């Protein structure tokens, strides 16, 4: 997953002050993941942003499960 800082349309802040992130999902869809998995990934991102230390084990387990179901190579 590719992340980069981006301005949000309609944001009153200057474009040089990025207030959002862009999440590129080309690698995710190429690997075969769908909407359900993207929901899990979004949940992991939210958990990590809110409480990395407290949710690290849950996020790790979710990511490991997704990677096992959708391996890079068969």
C-alpha atoms as a PDB file:
ATOM      1  CA  UNK A   1       0.000   0.000   0.000  1.00  0.00           C
ATOM      2  CA  UNK A   2       1.359   3.391  -0.951  1.00  0.00           C
ATOM      3  CA  UNK A   3       0.709   6.396   1.266  1.00  0.00           C
ATOM      4  CA  UNK A   4       1.542  10.016   0.661  1.00  0.00           C
ATOM      5  CA  UNK A   5       0.507  13.349   2.117  1.00  0.00           C
ATOM      6  CA  UNK A   6      -2.076  15.263   0.080  1.00  0.00           C
ATOM      7  CA  UNK A   7      -4.168  18.369   0.336  1.00  0.00           C
ATOM      8  CA  UNK A   8      -7.890  17.816   0.781  1.00  0.00           C
ATOM      9  CA  UNK A   9     -10.158  19.551  -1.764  1.00  0.00           C
ATOM     10  CA  UNK A  10     -11.924  22.527  -0.206  1.00  0.00           C
ATOM     11  CA  UNK A  11      -9.535  22.671   2.750  1.00  0.00           C
ATOM     12  CA  UNK A  12      -8.965  26.317   3.735  1.00  0.00           C
ATOM     13  CA  UNK A  13      -5.314  25.614   4.597  1.00  0.00           C
ATOM     14  CA  UNK A  14      -2.607  26.400   2.050  1.00  0.00           C
ATOM     15  CA  UNK A  15      -1.791  23.551  -0.373  1.00  0.00           C
ATOM     16  CA  UNK A  16       1.689  23.373   1.170  1.00  0.00           C
ATOM     17  CA  UNK A  17       0.060  22.376   4.476  1.00  0.00           C
ATOM     18  CA  UNK A  18      -1.110  18.847   3.785  1.00  0.00           C
ATOM     19  CA  UNK A  19      -4.077  17.803   5.855  1.00  0.00           C
ATOM     20  CA  UNK A  20      -4.812  14.362   4.488  1.00  0.00           C
ATOM     21  CA  UNK A  21      -3.293  11.210   3.110  1.00  0.00           C
ATOM     22  CA  UNK A  22      -3.788   9.441  -0.177  1.00  0.00           C
ATOM     23  CA  UNK A  23      -3.872   5.667   0.006  1.00  0.00           C
ATOM     24  CA  UNK A  24      -2.883   3.965  -3.231  1.00  0.00           C
ATOM     25  CA  UNK A  25      -4.341   0.491  -3.532  1.00  0.00           C
ATOM     26  CA  UNK A  26      -3.016  -0.763  -6.869  1.00  0.00           C
ATOM     27  CA  UNK A  27      -0.792  -3.357  -5.179  1.00  0.00           C
ATOM     28  CA  UNK A  28      -3.710  -4.510  -3.037  1.00  0.00           C
ATOM     29  CA  UNK A  29      -6.059  -5.085  -5.961  1.00  0.00           C
ATOM     30  CA  UNK A  30      -3.289  -6.671  -8.037  1.00  0.00           C
ATOM     31  CA  UNK A  31      -2.815  -9.166  -5.225  1.00  0.00           C
ATOM     32  CA  UNK A  32      -6.529 -10.015  -5.401  1.00  0.00           C
ATOM     33  CA  UNK A  33      -7.873  -8.333  -2.274  1.00  0.00           C
ATOM     34  CA  UNK A  34     -11.395  -6.906  -2.452  1.00  0.00           C
ATOM     35  CA  UNK A  35     -13.698  -4.589  -0.535  1.00  0.00           C
ATOM     36  CA  UNK A  36     -13.909  -6.827   2.536  1.00  0.00           C
ATOM     37  CA  UNK A  37     -10.131  -6.907   2.903  1.00  0.00           C
ATOM     38  CA  UNK A  38      -9.870  -3.159   2.320  1.00  0.00           C
ATOM     39  CA  UNK A  39     -12.313  -2.712   5.212  1.00  0.00           C
ATOM     40  CA  UNK A  40      -9.995  -4.763   7.415  1.00  0.00           C
ATOM     41  CA  UNK A  41      -6.981  -2.761   6.234  1.00  0.00           C
ATOM     42  CA  UNK A  42      -8.790   0.529   6.939  1.00  0.00           C
ATOM     43  CA  UNK A  43      -9.672  -0.763  10.411  1.00  0.00           C
ATOM     44  CA  UNK A  44      -6.000  -1.619  11.035  1.00  0.00           C
ATOM     45  CA  UNK A  45      -4.918   1.858   9.908  1.00  0.00           C
ATOM     46  CA  UNK A  46      -7.450   3.438  12.284  1.00  0.00           C
ATOM     47  CA  UNK A  47      -6.352   1.236  15.200  1.00  0.00           C
ATOM     48  CA  UNK A  48      -2.711   2.052  14.555  1.00  0.00           C
ATOM     49  CA  UNK A  49      -3.377   5.780  14.329  1.00  0.00           C
ATOM     50  CA  UNK A  50      -5.347   5.801  17.585  1.00  0.00           C
ATOM     51  CA  UNK A  51      -3.270   3.462  19.759  1.00  0.00           C
ATOM     52  CA  UNK A  52      -0.301   1.772  18.130  1.00  0.00           C
ATOM     53  CA  UNK A  53       1.095   0.183  21.285  1.00  0.00           C
ATOM     54  CA  UNK A  54      -2.263  -1.081  22.516  1.00  0.00           C
ATOM     55  CA  UNK A  55      -3.434  -2.568  19.222  1.00  0.00           C
ATOM     56  CA  UNK A  56      -0.177  -3.800  17.753  1.00  0.00           C
ATOM     57  CA  UNK A  57      -0.918  -7.513  18.360  1.00  0.00           C
ATOM     58  CA  UNK A  58      -4.401  -7.289  16.803  1.00  0.00           C
ATOM     59  CA  UNK A  59      -3.106  -5.409  13.762  1.00  0.00           C
ATOM     60  CA  UNK A  60      -0.235  -7.859  13.319  1.00  0.00           C
ATOM     61  CA  UNK A  61      -2.609 -10.831  13.466  1.00  0.00           C
ATOM     62  CA  UNK A  62      -4.990  -9.252  10.936  1.00  0.00           C
ATOM     63  CA  UNK A  63      -2.176  -8.430   8.518  1.00  0.00           C
ATOM     64  CA  UNK A  64      -0.701 -11.929   8.867  1.00  0.00           C
ATOM     65  CA  UNK A  65      -4.115 -13.462   8.146  1.00  0.00           C
ATOM     66  CA  UNK A  66      -4.626 -11.327   5.035  1.00  0.00           C
ATOM     67  CA  UNK A  67      -1.116 -12.080   3.765  1.00  0.00           C
ATOM     68  CA  UNK A  68      -1.660 -15.816   4.298  1.00  0.00           C
ATOM     69  CA  UNK A  69      -4.929 -15.755   2.339  1.00  0.00           C
ATOM     70  CA  UNK A  70      -3.450 -13.628  -0.470  1.00  0.00           C
ATOM     71  CA  UNK A  71       0.199 -14.696  -0.913  1.00  0.00           C
ATOM     72  CA  UNK A  72       2.512 -12.839  -3.268  1.00  0.00           C
ATOM     73  CA  UNK A  73       3.457 -16.107  -4.941  1.00  0.00           C
ATOM     74  CA  UNK A  74       1.547 -19.396  -5.017  1.00  0.00           C
END
